Protein backbone atom coordinates (compact mmCIF):
# COMPACT_ATOMS: atom_id res chain seq x y z
CA MET A 1 24.57 -4.38 6.98
CA ASP A 2 26.70 -1.88 5.11
CA ILE A 3 28.17 -0.05 8.11
CA SER A 4 29.45 2.92 6.10
CA LYS A 5 26.07 3.39 4.45
CA ARG A 6 24.21 3.13 7.76
CA ILE A 7 26.49 5.73 9.37
CA ALA A 8 26.05 8.04 6.36
CA GLU A 9 22.27 7.73 6.79
CA MET A 10 22.59 8.47 10.51
CA LYS A 11 24.59 11.61 9.74
CA GLN A 12 21.64 12.91 7.70
CA GLN A 13 19.25 12.71 10.66
CA PRO A 14 18.18 15.98 12.29
CA GLY A 15 20.38 16.93 15.22
CA PHE A 16 23.29 14.65 14.38
CA GLN A 17 25.86 17.46 14.12
CA ASP A 18 24.71 19.00 17.41
CA ASN A 19 24.65 15.75 19.40
CA VAL A 20 27.28 13.33 18.12
CA GLY A 21 31.01 13.36 18.80
CA MET A 22 31.59 9.62 18.70
CA ILE A 23 30.27 6.52 16.97
CA LEU A 24 31.30 3.08 18.20
CA ILE A 25 30.63 -0.12 16.29
CA HIS A 26 30.51 -3.80 17.15
CA ASN A 27 30.68 -6.24 14.23
CA GLY A 28 30.39 -9.76 15.64
CA THR A 29 31.53 -12.64 13.45
CA VAL A 30 31.59 -16.42 13.69
CA ARG A 31 34.84 -17.75 15.17
CA SER A 32 36.35 -20.98 13.82
CA TRP A 33 36.88 -22.23 17.38
CA SER A 34 34.75 -22.60 20.49
CA ARG A 35 35.50 -20.28 23.36
CA ASN A 36 34.65 -23.13 25.76
CA ASP A 37 37.26 -25.66 24.68
CA LYS A 38 38.94 -24.24 21.53
CA LYS A 39 37.53 -27.08 19.38
CA THR A 40 36.94 -26.39 15.70
CA VAL A 41 33.57 -24.88 14.82
CA LEU A 42 32.23 -25.70 11.36
CA ALA A 43 29.08 -23.60 11.62
CA LEU A 44 26.96 -21.66 14.08
CA GLU A 45 23.17 -21.70 14.28
CA VAL A 46 21.85 -18.40 15.62
CA THR A 47 18.36 -17.41 16.75
CA PRO A 48 17.99 -13.84 17.98
CA ASP A 49 14.93 -12.60 19.88
CA LEU A 50 14.37 -9.45 17.83
CA GLU A 51 11.68 -8.07 20.15
CA LYS A 52 13.99 -8.41 23.15
CA ILE A 53 16.84 -6.76 21.24
CA GLU A 54 14.57 -3.83 20.42
CA ALA A 55 13.46 -3.55 24.06
CA ILE A 56 17.09 -3.46 25.20
CA ARG A 57 17.92 -0.92 22.47
CA GLN A 58 15.07 1.32 23.62
CA GLU A 59 16.30 1.09 27.21
CA PHE A 60 19.83 2.16 26.26
CA LEU A 61 18.55 5.01 24.08
CA GLN A 62 17.48 6.67 27.34
CA ARG A 63 21.06 6.85 28.65
CA GLU A 64 22.76 10.22 28.99
CA GLY A 65 24.43 11.45 25.81
CA ILE A 66 23.07 8.74 23.51
CA TYR A 67 21.82 10.03 20.17
CA ASP A 68 20.98 6.79 18.35
CA ILE A 69 21.56 3.05 18.48
CA VAL A 70 21.30 0.62 15.59
CA ALA A 71 21.10 -3.12 16.26
CA GLU A 72 20.95 -5.83 13.61
CA ALA A 73 21.15 -9.52 14.46
CA LYS A 74 21.09 -12.21 11.79
CA THR A 75 19.15 -15.47 11.97
CA GLY A 76 20.20 -18.79 10.52
CA ARG A 77 23.22 -21.00 10.03
CA PHE A 78 26.57 -19.30 9.45
CA GLN A 79 30.16 -20.23 8.65
CA PRO A 80 33.33 -18.96 10.37
CA GLY A 81 33.99 -15.41 9.23
CA ASP A 82 30.32 -14.59 8.58
CA ASP A 83 28.84 -11.47 10.18
CA LEU A 84 26.27 -12.12 12.94
CA LEU A 85 25.62 -9.01 14.99
CA PHE A 86 26.00 -5.32 14.31
CA LEU A 87 25.65 -2.64 16.99
CA ILE A 88 26.20 1.06 16.30
CA VAL A 89 26.10 3.53 19.19
CA ALA A 90 26.28 7.25 18.48
CA GLY A 91 26.42 9.96 21.08
CA ASP A 92 28.14 12.93 22.59
CA ILE A 93 31.34 11.93 24.42
CA ARG A 94 33.33 8.75 24.99
CA GLU A 95 32.56 8.61 28.71
CA ASN A 96 28.90 8.15 27.78
CA ILE A 97 29.31 6.03 24.65
CA LYS A 98 31.91 3.41 25.62
CA PRO A 99 30.02 1.94 28.58
CA VAL A 100 26.77 1.86 26.62
CA LEU A 101 28.28 -0.19 23.80
CA ALA A 102 29.86 -2.61 26.28
CA GLU A 103 26.68 -3.04 28.36
CA LEU A 104 24.43 -3.20 25.30
CA LEU A 105 26.58 -5.94 23.75
CA ASP A 106 26.66 -7.96 26.97
CA ARG A 107 22.90 -7.69 27.48
CA VAL A 108 22.00 -8.58 23.87
CA LYS A 109 24.31 -11.59 23.90
CA ALA A 110 23.11 -12.81 27.31
CA GLU A 111 19.38 -12.11 27.01
CA ALA A 112 18.42 -12.11 23.35
CA ILE A 113 20.60 -14.46 21.32
CA THR A 114 20.61 -18.25 21.30
CA LYS A 115 23.33 -20.05 19.42
CA LYS A 116 24.45 -23.62 18.78
CA GLU A 117 27.92 -24.51 17.59
CA ILE A 118 28.28 -27.25 14.98
CA MET A 119 31.60 -28.89 15.80
CA ALA A 120 34.07 -30.90 13.74
CA ASP A 121 34.20 -34.58 14.68
């Protein structure tokens, strides 16, 4: 995803200027180490449940002050440094936007993404 391009497109949507005072972004990437034991990760196999991600996105769109949410999760095998998950949350004020990004990220990761680390020997 080209984040700058996607935000520029969002800014062209009707009502953006009247409803958005903040945009927060999550750009998840592959780490070169496992969070479990700090061992070296050579690759990461990722399988997102795109229907579940969309259901979660729709749920969070109903929250107070939220104008739009973009979610893009990649499928396949990735190397450290590769992009995996993009979340963009746009809305009125930080008190409404910050918790939505945090909760959205936690829910998507817990409920809709399966991953397998390929470790160094």
